[in-house]
Amino acid sequence: MRKLLFFLFLLWPAPTGPFLGEAEATTTKPVKIIQGPILAHVVRVRDGDSIDVIAHVWPGTQIRVSVRLAGIDAPELRARCGEEKRLAVAARDRLAQLVADGPVYLEQVRGGKYFGRILARVFVDGIDVQNALLKEKLARPYGGKRAGWCDTERMVQG
């Protein structure tokens, strides 16, 4: 909980107006996207589209956070069929290979729909990790209605 509150604190912009004790007060809006890049080191690959990282948010300050790779959907390890399970393991293993030589850089960081997880574009050695998984057909573009992974014809078209 402390880590999450700290990360939310990071999303709040620094004050730009008068400080406490001064005559004026200013109102600031919270930042919705941090463009980055933010240096991070992967500590765990959860599945084909989720990793845990230690992000270096500013000099001498780091936070461990779960990252959902923005813009893609990979098969689930809790598969509904054998083909989905095979693809899920392949996607997870390939993601692990892509980030193994780290560090990674997070860009376009924003809050996720689940409490405590963020969405971000992930890059390593100039490689867009999301695009690599899409090109290798280990993930599909995320958005709209999600199709199952057990129908391989839909997967190839996705």
N, C-alpha and C. Protein backbone atom coordinates (compact mmCIF):
# COMPACT_ATOMS: atom_id res chain seq x y z
N MET A 1 0.83 -1.18 0.00
CA MET A 1 0.00 0.00 0.00
C MET A 1 0.88 1.25 0.00
N ARG A 2 1.95 1.24 0.79
CA ARG A 2 2.85 2.38 0.84
C ARG A 2 3.46 2.66 -0.52
N LYS A 3 3.85 1.58 -1.23
CA LYS A 3 4.45 1.74 -2.54
C LYS A 3 3.46 2.34 -3.52
N LEU A 4 2.22 1.89 -3.46
CA LEU A 4 1.21 2.41 -4.36
C LEU A 4 0.95 3.88 -4.10
N LEU A 5 0.83 4.25 -2.83
CA LEU A 5 0.62 5.65 -2.50
C LEU A 5 1.79 6.51 -2.96
N PHE A 6 3.00 5.96 -2.83
CA PHE A 6 4.18 6.68 -3.28
C PHE A 6 4.13 6.87 -4.79
N PHE A 7 3.77 5.83 -5.53
CA PHE A 7 3.71 5.93 -6.98
C PHE A 7 2.64 6.94 -7.40
N LEU A 8 1.49 6.94 -6.72
CA LEU A 8 0.46 7.92 -7.03
C LEU A 8 0.96 9.33 -6.75
N PHE A 9 1.77 9.47 -5.70
CA PHE A 9 2.39 10.75 -5.40
C PHE A 9 3.25 11.21 -6.57
N LEU A 10 3.93 10.25 -7.22
CA LEU A 10 4.79 10.59 -8.35
C LEU A 10 3.98 11.11 -9.53
N LEU A 11 2.77 10.64 -9.67
CA LEU A 11 1.93 11.08 -10.77
C LEU A 11 1.38 12.49 -10.55
N TRP A 12 1.40 12.96 -9.32
CA TRP A 12 0.90 14.30 -9.01
C TRP A 12 1.98 15.31 -9.40
N PRO A 13 1.64 16.35 -10.13
CA PRO A 13 2.68 17.30 -10.58
C PRO A 13 3.25 18.10 -9.42
N ALA A 14 4.48 18.51 -9.61
CA ALA A 14 5.14 19.36 -8.61
C ALA A 14 4.45 20.72 -8.59
N PRO A 15 4.37 21.33 -7.41
CA PRO A 15 3.74 22.65 -7.35
C PRO A 15 4.54 23.67 -8.15
N THR A 16 3.82 24.54 -8.82
CA THR A 16 4.49 25.55 -9.63
C THR A 16 4.25 26.96 -9.11
N GLY A 17 3.36 27.09 -8.17
CA GLY A 17 3.01 28.43 -7.67
C GLY A 17 3.59 28.67 -6.29
N PRO A 18 2.95 29.57 -5.55
CA PRO A 18 3.42 29.91 -4.20
C PRO A 18 3.39 28.69 -3.27
N PHE A 19 4.29 28.68 -2.31
CA PHE A 19 4.37 27.59 -1.35
C PHE A 19 3.63 27.98 -0.08
N LEU A 20 3.55 27.06 0.86
CA LEU A 20 2.86 27.32 2.12
C LEU A 20 3.36 28.61 2.76
N GLY A 21 2.44 29.35 3.29
CA GLY A 21 2.81 30.59 3.96
C GLY A 21 2.82 31.78 3.02
N GLU A 22 2.75 31.56 1.72
CA GLU A 22 2.72 32.67 0.78
C GLU A 22 1.28 33.07 0.52
N ALA A 23 1.09 34.21 -0.05
CA ALA A 23 -0.24 34.80 -0.17
C ALA A 23 -1.17 34.04 -1.11
N GLU A 24 -0.69 33.53 -2.23
CA GLU A 24 -1.56 32.90 -3.21
C GLU A 24 -1.51 31.38 -3.10
N ALA A 25 -2.58 30.75 -3.53
CA ALA A 25 -2.60 29.30 -3.65
C ALA A 25 -2.91 28.96 -5.10
N THR A 26 -2.39 27.86 -5.57
CA THR A 26 -2.66 27.45 -6.94
C THR A 26 -3.33 26.09 -6.94
N THR A 27 -4.03 25.83 -8.01
CA THR A 27 -4.66 24.53 -8.20
C THR A 27 -3.97 23.84 -9.35
N THR A 28 -3.55 22.60 -9.15
CA THR A 28 -2.92 21.83 -10.22
C THR A 28 -3.74 20.58 -10.48
N LYS A 29 -3.67 20.11 -11.71
CA LYS A 29 -4.37 18.89 -12.08
C LYS A 29 -3.38 17.74 -12.06
N PRO A 30 -3.82 16.54 -11.67
CA PRO A 30 -2.90 15.40 -11.68
C PRO A 30 -2.51 15.03 -13.12
N VAL A 31 -1.30 14.55 -13.26
CA VAL A 31 -0.80 14.09 -14.55
C VAL A 31 -1.46 12.75 -14.87
N LYS A 32 -1.95 12.59 -16.10
CA LYS A 32 -2.59 11.33 -16.48
C LYS A 32 -1.63 10.40 -17.20
N ILE A 33 -0.62 10.96 -17.88
CA ILE A 33 0.38 10.15 -18.58
C ILE A 33 1.75 10.73 -18.31
N ILE A 34 2.69 9.88 -17.97
CA ILE A 34 4.10 10.28 -17.86
C ILE A 34 4.76 9.77 -19.14
N GLN A 35 5.25 10.68 -19.96
CA GLN A 35 5.78 10.31 -21.27
C GLN A 35 7.04 9.44 -21.17
N GLY A 36 7.87 9.67 -20.15
CA GLY A 36 9.09 8.89 -20.01
C GLY A 36 10.16 9.41 -20.95
N PRO A 37 11.19 8.68 -21.16
CA PRO A 37 11.39 7.31 -20.69
C PRO A 37 11.78 7.25 -19.21
N ILE A 38 11.35 6.16 -18.59
CA ILE A 38 11.71 5.86 -17.21
C ILE A 38 12.54 4.59 -17.22
N LEU A 39 13.74 4.67 -16.70
CA LEU A 39 14.63 3.52 -16.62
C LEU A 39 14.07 2.51 -15.62
N ALA A 40 14.08 1.23 -15.99
CA ALA A 40 13.57 0.19 -15.10
C ALA A 40 14.35 -1.10 -15.32
N HIS A 41 14.34 -1.94 -14.30
CA HIS A 41 14.94 -3.27 -14.38
C HIS A 41 13.86 -4.30 -14.09
N VAL A 42 13.77 -5.30 -14.95
CA VAL A 42 12.75 -6.33 -14.80
C VAL A 42 13.16 -7.29 -13.69
N VAL A 43 12.24 -7.55 -12.78
CA VAL A 43 12.50 -8.51 -11.70
C VAL A 43 11.67 -9.78 -11.88
N ARG A 44 10.63 -9.69 -12.73
CA ARG A 44 9.80 -10.88 -12.96
C ARG A 44 8.98 -10.69 -14.24
N VAL A 45 8.91 -11.75 -15.03
CA VAL A 45 8.01 -11.78 -16.17
C VAL A 45 6.82 -12.61 -15.73
N ARG A 46 5.65 -11.98 -15.64
CA ARG A 46 4.45 -12.67 -15.15
C ARG A 46 3.82 -13.54 -16.23
N ASP A 47 3.66 -12.97 -17.42
CA ASP A 47 3.08 -13.68 -18.56
C ASP A 47 3.50 -12.95 -19.82
N GLY A 48 2.82 -13.17 -20.92
CA GLY A 48 3.23 -12.58 -22.19
C GLY A 48 2.99 -11.10 -22.33
N ASP A 49 2.25 -10.48 -21.39
CA ASP A 49 2.01 -9.04 -21.48
C ASP A 49 2.09 -8.32 -20.13
N SER A 50 2.74 -8.95 -19.15
CA SER A 50 2.87 -8.31 -17.82
C SER A 50 4.24 -8.62 -17.22
N ILE A 51 4.86 -7.59 -16.66
CA ILE A 51 6.15 -7.74 -15.99
C ILE A 51 6.13 -6.96 -14.68
N ASP A 52 7.01 -7.33 -13.78
CA ASP A 52 7.26 -6.55 -12.57
C ASP A 52 8.62 -5.89 -12.75
N VAL A 53 8.71 -4.62 -12.41
CA VAL A 53 9.96 -3.89 -12.58
C VAL A 53 10.29 -3.10 -11.33
N ILE A 54 11.56 -2.74 -11.23
CA ILE A 54 11.99 -1.71 -10.30
C ILE A 54 12.28 -0.50 -11.18
N ALA A 55 11.42 0.52 -11.03
CA ALA A 55 11.52 1.72 -11.86
C ALA A 55 12.30 2.79 -11.10
N HIS A 56 13.20 3.44 -11.81
CA HIS A 56 14.01 4.51 -11.23
C HIS A 56 13.32 5.83 -11.59
N VAL A 57 12.48 6.28 -10.66
CA VAL A 57 11.58 7.40 -10.96
C VAL A 57 12.26 8.76 -10.90
N TRP A 58 13.29 8.91 -10.11
CA TRP A 58 14.16 10.07 -10.15
C TRP A 58 15.42 9.69 -9.40
N PRO A 59 16.50 10.47 -9.47
CA PRO A 59 17.78 10.06 -8.89
C PRO A 59 17.64 9.61 -7.43
N GLY A 60 18.13 8.43 -7.17
CA GLY A 60 18.12 7.88 -5.82
C GLY A 60 16.78 7.35 -5.36
N THR A 61 15.79 7.31 -6.24
CA THR A 61 14.46 6.86 -5.84
C THR A 61 13.97 5.81 -6.83
N GLN A 62 13.56 4.68 -6.29
CA GLN A 62 13.04 3.61 -7.13
C GLN A 62 11.81 2.99 -6.48
N ILE A 63 11.01 2.34 -7.32
CA ILE A 63 9.78 1.71 -6.84
C ILE A 63 9.55 0.43 -7.62
N ARG A 64 9.06 -0.58 -6.93
CA ARG A 64 8.70 -1.83 -7.61
C ARG A 64 7.22 -1.73 -7.98
N VAL A 65 6.92 -2.05 -9.26
CA VAL A 65 5.56 -1.91 -9.74
C VAL A 65 5.30 -2.96 -10.83
N SER A 66 4.05 -3.38 -10.92
CA SER A 66 3.62 -4.31 -11.97
C SER A 66 3.24 -3.49 -13.20
N VAL A 67 3.71 -3.92 -14.36
CA VAL A 67 3.48 -3.20 -15.61
C VAL A 67 2.75 -4.10 -16.60
N ARG A 68 1.64 -3.61 -17.11
CA ARG A 68 0.92 -4.27 -18.20
C ARG A 68 1.40 -3.61 -19.48
N LEU A 69 1.90 -4.40 -20.44
CA LEU A 69 2.37 -3.84 -21.70
C LEU A 69 1.18 -3.25 -22.45
N ALA A 70 1.23 -1.97 -22.69
CA ALA A 70 0.10 -1.26 -23.31
C ALA A 70 -0.06 -1.66 -24.77
N GLY A 71 -1.30 -1.79 -25.18
CA GLY A 71 -1.61 -1.98 -26.58
C GLY A 71 -1.63 -3.40 -27.10
N ILE A 72 -1.31 -4.38 -26.22
CA ILE A 72 -1.32 -5.77 -26.69
C ILE A 72 -2.09 -6.66 -25.72
N ASP A 73 -2.47 -7.82 -26.24
CA ASP A 73 -3.11 -8.86 -25.45
C ASP A 73 -2.43 -10.17 -25.79
N ALA A 74 -1.87 -10.83 -24.80
CA ALA A 74 -1.22 -12.13 -25.00
C ALA A 74 -2.12 -13.22 -24.41
N PRO A 75 -1.96 -14.45 -24.86
CA PRO A 75 -2.76 -15.55 -24.32
C PRO A 75 -2.52 -15.72 -22.81
N GLU A 76 -3.53 -16.24 -22.14
CA GLU A 76 -3.47 -16.41 -20.69
C GLU A 76 -2.83 -17.75 -20.31
N LEU A 77 -2.02 -17.73 -19.26
CA LEU A 77 -1.42 -18.98 -18.78
C LEU A 77 -2.47 -19.91 -18.18
N ARG A 78 -3.54 -19.33 -17.65
CA ARG A 78 -4.68 -20.14 -17.18
C ARG A 78 -5.57 -20.39 -18.40
N ALA A 79 -5.09 -21.24 -19.26
CA ALA A 79 -5.67 -21.43 -20.59
C ALA A 79 -6.96 -22.23 -20.57
N ARG A 80 -7.74 -22.01 -21.64
CA ARG A 80 -8.98 -22.76 -21.83
C ARG A 80 -8.78 -23.96 -22.73
N CYS A 81 -7.64 -24.01 -23.41
CA CYS A 81 -7.35 -25.15 -24.28
C CYS A 81 -5.84 -25.32 -24.38
N GLY A 82 -5.43 -26.44 -24.95
CA GLY A 82 -4.01 -26.72 -25.07
C GLY A 82 -3.27 -25.73 -25.95
N GLU A 83 -3.90 -25.28 -27.03
CA GLU A 83 -3.26 -24.33 -27.94
C GLU A 83 -3.02 -22.98 -27.25
N GLU A 84 -3.99 -22.52 -26.47
CA GLU A 84 -3.81 -21.28 -25.75
C GLU A 84 -2.67 -21.41 -24.74
N LYS A 85 -2.60 -22.52 -24.04
CA LYS A 85 -1.52 -22.74 -23.06
C LYS A 85 -0.16 -22.72 -23.76
N ARG A 86 -0.07 -23.40 -24.91
CA ARG A 86 1.19 -23.43 -25.66
C ARG A 86 1.60 -22.01 -26.07
N LEU A 87 0.64 -21.25 -26.59
CA LEU A 87 0.92 -19.88 -27.01
C LEU A 87 1.27 -18.98 -25.82
N ALA A 88 0.60 -19.19 -24.69
CA ALA A 88 0.86 -18.39 -23.50
C ALA A 88 2.29 -18.61 -22.99
N VAL A 89 2.71 -19.85 -22.96
CA VAL A 89 4.07 -20.16 -22.51
C VAL A 89 5.09 -19.58 -23.50
N ALA A 90 4.81 -19.70 -24.80
CA ALA A 90 5.71 -19.14 -25.81
C ALA A 90 5.80 -17.62 -25.69
N ALA A 91 4.67 -16.96 -25.46
CA ALA A 91 4.66 -15.50 -25.31
C ALA A 91 5.44 -15.07 -24.07
N ARG A 92 5.20 -15.76 -22.95
CA ARG A 92 5.92 -15.42 -21.73
C ARG A 92 7.42 -15.62 -21.90
N ASP A 93 7.81 -16.75 -22.48
CA ASP A 93 9.23 -17.05 -22.67
C ASP A 93 9.89 -16.04 -23.62
N ARG A 94 9.18 -15.65 -24.67
CA ARG A 94 9.74 -14.68 -25.62
C ARG A 94 9.88 -13.30 -24.97
N LEU A 95 8.89 -12.91 -24.18
CA LEU A 95 8.99 -11.65 -23.46
C LEU A 95 10.19 -11.68 -22.52
N ALA A 96 10.39 -12.80 -21.85
CA ALA A 96 11.54 -12.94 -20.95
C ALA A 96 12.86 -12.79 -21.73
N GLN A 97 12.92 -13.36 -22.93
CA GLN A 97 14.12 -13.22 -23.77
C GLN A 97 14.33 -11.76 -24.17
N LEU A 98 13.26 -11.10 -24.57
CA LEU A 98 13.38 -9.71 -25.03
C LEU A 98 13.88 -8.78 -23.94
N VAL A 99 13.47 -8.99 -22.70
CA VAL A 99 13.85 -8.08 -21.62
C VAL A 99 15.07 -8.56 -20.83
N ALA A 100 15.59 -9.74 -21.16
CA ALA A 100 16.68 -10.34 -20.39
C ALA A 100 17.94 -9.50 -20.37
N ASP A 101 18.23 -8.83 -21.48
CA ASP A 101 19.46 -8.06 -21.55
C ASP A 101 19.30 -6.64 -21.01
N GLY A 102 18.09 -6.29 -20.56
CA GLY A 102 17.73 -4.99 -19.98
C GLY A 102 18.88 -4.02 -19.89
N PRO A 103 18.73 -2.87 -19.37
CA PRO A 103 17.52 -2.40 -18.72
C PRO A 103 16.42 -2.11 -19.74
N VAL A 104 15.22 -1.90 -19.22
CA VAL A 104 14.10 -1.53 -20.06
C VAL A 104 13.75 -0.07 -19.80
N TYR A 105 13.02 0.50 -20.71
CA TYR A 105 12.55 1.87 -20.56
C TYR A 105 11.04 1.88 -20.71
N LEU A 106 10.38 2.53 -19.79
CA LEU A 106 8.92 2.66 -19.81
C LEU A 106 8.56 4.01 -20.40
N GLU A 107 7.60 4.01 -21.32
CA GLU A 107 7.13 5.24 -21.92
C GLU A 107 5.61 5.25 -21.89
N GLN A 108 5.02 6.43 -21.97
CA GLN A 108 3.58 6.62 -21.95
C GLN A 108 2.94 5.87 -20.78
N VAL A 109 3.49 6.10 -19.60
CA VAL A 109 3.05 5.42 -18.38
C VAL A 109 1.75 6.04 -17.88
N ARG A 110 0.79 5.18 -17.59
CA ARG A 110 -0.50 5.65 -17.06
C ARG A 110 -1.08 4.58 -16.15
N GLY A 111 -2.09 4.98 -15.41
CA GLY A 111 -2.75 4.05 -14.51
C GLY A 111 -3.48 2.96 -15.28
N GLY A 112 -3.52 1.78 -14.70
CA GLY A 112 -4.25 0.67 -15.31
C GLY A 112 -5.64 0.56 -14.71
N LYS A 113 -6.41 -0.37 -15.23
CA LYS A 113 -7.76 -0.54 -14.70
C LYS A 113 -7.76 -1.30 -13.39
N TYR A 114 -6.64 -1.95 -13.08
CA TYR A 114 -6.54 -2.67 -11.81
C TYR A 114 -5.66 -1.88 -10.86
N PHE A 115 -6.09 -1.77 -9.63
CA PHE A 115 -5.39 -1.04 -8.59
C PHE A 115 -3.98 -1.59 -8.40
N GLY A 116 -2.99 -0.72 -8.47
CA GLY A 116 -1.62 -1.11 -8.21
C GLY A 116 -0.83 -1.55 -9.42
N ARG A 117 -1.43 -1.51 -10.60
CA ARG A 117 -0.72 -1.89 -11.82
C ARG A 117 -0.77 -0.72 -12.79
N ILE A 118 0.31 -0.53 -13.53
CA ILE A 118 0.34 0.55 -14.51
C ILE A 118 0.36 -0.02 -15.92
N LEU A 119 0.04 0.82 -16.87
CA LEU A 119 0.16 0.50 -18.29
C LEU A 119 1.33 1.30 -18.83
N ALA A 120 2.13 0.68 -19.70
CA ALA A 120 3.26 1.41 -20.29
C ALA A 120 3.72 0.72 -21.56
N ARG A 121 4.32 1.50 -22.44
CA ARG A 121 5.04 0.96 -23.59
C ARG A 121 6.41 0.58 -23.05
N VAL A 122 6.93 -0.57 -23.46
CA VAL A 122 8.20 -1.07 -22.95
C VAL A 122 9.20 -1.19 -24.10
N PHE A 123 10.39 -0.65 -23.87
CA PHE A 123 11.46 -0.69 -24.87
C PHE A 123 12.72 -1.24 -24.23
N VAL A 124 13.50 -1.99 -25.01
CA VAL A 124 14.81 -2.47 -24.57
C VAL A 124 15.74 -2.44 -25.77
N ASP A 125 16.90 -1.82 -25.59
CA ASP A 125 17.88 -1.67 -26.68
C ASP A 125 17.24 -1.11 -27.95
N GLY A 126 16.33 -0.15 -27.79
CA GLY A 126 15.67 0.48 -28.92
C GLY A 126 14.57 -0.36 -29.56
N ILE A 127 14.31 -1.54 -29.02
CA ILE A 127 13.28 -2.43 -29.57
C ILE A 127 11.97 -2.18 -28.85
N ASP A 128 10.91 -1.98 -29.62
CA ASP A 128 9.56 -1.85 -29.07
C ASP A 128 9.07 -3.27 -28.77
N VAL A 129 9.03 -3.62 -27.52
CA VAL A 129 8.70 -4.99 -27.11
C VAL A 129 7.30 -5.39 -27.57
N GLN A 130 6.34 -4.47 -27.46
CA GLN A 130 4.98 -4.77 -27.90
C GLN A 130 4.95 -5.14 -29.38
N ASN A 131 5.61 -4.33 -30.22
CA ASN A 131 5.62 -4.61 -31.66
C ASN A 131 6.31 -5.92 -31.98
N ALA A 132 7.36 -6.25 -31.25
CA ALA A 132 8.05 -7.53 -31.48
C ALA A 132 7.10 -8.71 -31.23
N LEU A 133 6.35 -8.64 -30.14
CA LEU A 133 5.40 -9.73 -29.83
C LEU A 133 4.27 -9.79 -30.86
N LEU A 134 3.82 -8.64 -31.34
CA LEU A 134 2.79 -8.61 -32.37
C LEU A 134 3.31 -9.23 -33.68
N LYS A 135 4.51 -8.85 -34.10
CA LYS A 135 5.09 -9.37 -35.34
C LYS A 135 5.28 -10.88 -35.29
N GLU A 136 5.60 -11.39 -34.11
CA GLU A 136 5.82 -12.83 -33.96
C GLU A 136 4.53 -13.59 -33.67
N LYS A 137 3.39 -12.89 -33.73
CA LYS A 137 2.05 -13.46 -33.51
C LYS A 137 1.92 -14.13 -32.13
N LEU A 138 2.64 -13.58 -31.15
CA LEU A 138 2.52 -14.05 -29.77
C LEU A 138 1.60 -13.14 -28.97
N ALA A 139 1.10 -12.10 -29.61
CA ALA A 139 0.15 -11.18 -29.00
C ALA A 139 -0.69 -10.58 -30.13
N ARG A 140 -1.81 -9.98 -29.71
CA ARG A 140 -2.69 -9.27 -30.65
C ARG A 140 -2.85 -7.85 -30.16
N PRO A 141 -3.26 -6.95 -31.05
CA PRO A 141 -3.56 -5.60 -30.58
C PRO A 141 -4.68 -5.66 -29.55
N TYR A 142 -4.57 -4.86 -28.51
CA TYR A 142 -5.57 -4.83 -27.45
C TYR A 142 -6.53 -3.69 -27.69
N GLY A 143 -7.79 -3.97 -27.57
CA GLY A 143 -8.80 -2.96 -27.74
C GLY A 143 -10.06 -3.58 -28.32
N GLY A 144 -11.19 -3.03 -27.93
CA GLY A 144 -12.45 -3.59 -28.42
C GLY A 144 -12.75 -4.92 -27.76
N LYS A 145 -13.48 -5.76 -28.47
CA LYS A 145 -13.87 -7.05 -27.93
C LYS A 145 -12.70 -8.04 -28.03
N ARG A 146 -12.43 -8.71 -26.92
CA ARG A 146 -11.33 -9.68 -26.89
C ARG A 146 -11.82 -11.03 -27.38
N ALA A 147 -11.13 -11.58 -28.34
CA ALA A 147 -11.46 -12.90 -28.86
C ALA A 147 -10.68 -13.95 -28.08
N GLY A 148 -11.19 -15.17 -28.05
CA GLY A 148 -10.48 -16.26 -27.38
C GLY A 148 -9.25 -16.68 -28.16
N TRP A 149 -8.38 -17.38 -27.50
CA TRP A 149 -7.14 -17.86 -28.12
C TRP A 149 -7.25 -19.31 -28.57
N CYS A 150 -8.36 -19.95 -28.29
CA CYS A 150 -8.50 -21.36 -28.66
C CYS A 150 -8.90 -21.53 -30.12
N ASP A 151 -9.35 -20.47 -30.75
CA ASP A 151 -9.67 -20.49 -32.17
C ASP A 151 -8.48 -19.89 -32.90
N THR A 152 -7.56 -20.72 -33.38
CA THR A 152 -6.32 -20.21 -33.97
C THR A 152 -6.57 -19.40 -35.23
N GLU A 153 -7.68 -19.63 -35.94
CA GLU A 153 -7.97 -18.82 -37.12
C GLU A 153 -8.20 -17.36 -36.71
N ARG A 154 -8.93 -17.13 -35.62
CA ARG A 154 -9.14 -15.77 -35.13
C ARG A 154 -7.83 -15.14 -34.67
N MET A 155 -6.94 -15.97 -34.06
CA MET A 155 -5.69 -15.45 -33.56
C MET A 155 -4.83 -14.91 -34.71
N VAL A 156 -4.75 -15.65 -35.80
CA VAL A 156 -3.93 -15.22 -36.92
C VAL A 156 -4.50 -13.97 -37.56
N GLN A 157 -5.80 -13.85 -37.64
CA GLN A 157 -6.43 -12.67 -38.23
C GLN A 157 -6.31 -11.47 -37.32
N GLY A 158 -6.32 -11.70 -35.95
CA GLY A 158 -6.31 -10.59 -34.99
C GLY A 158 -5.15 -9.72 -35.14
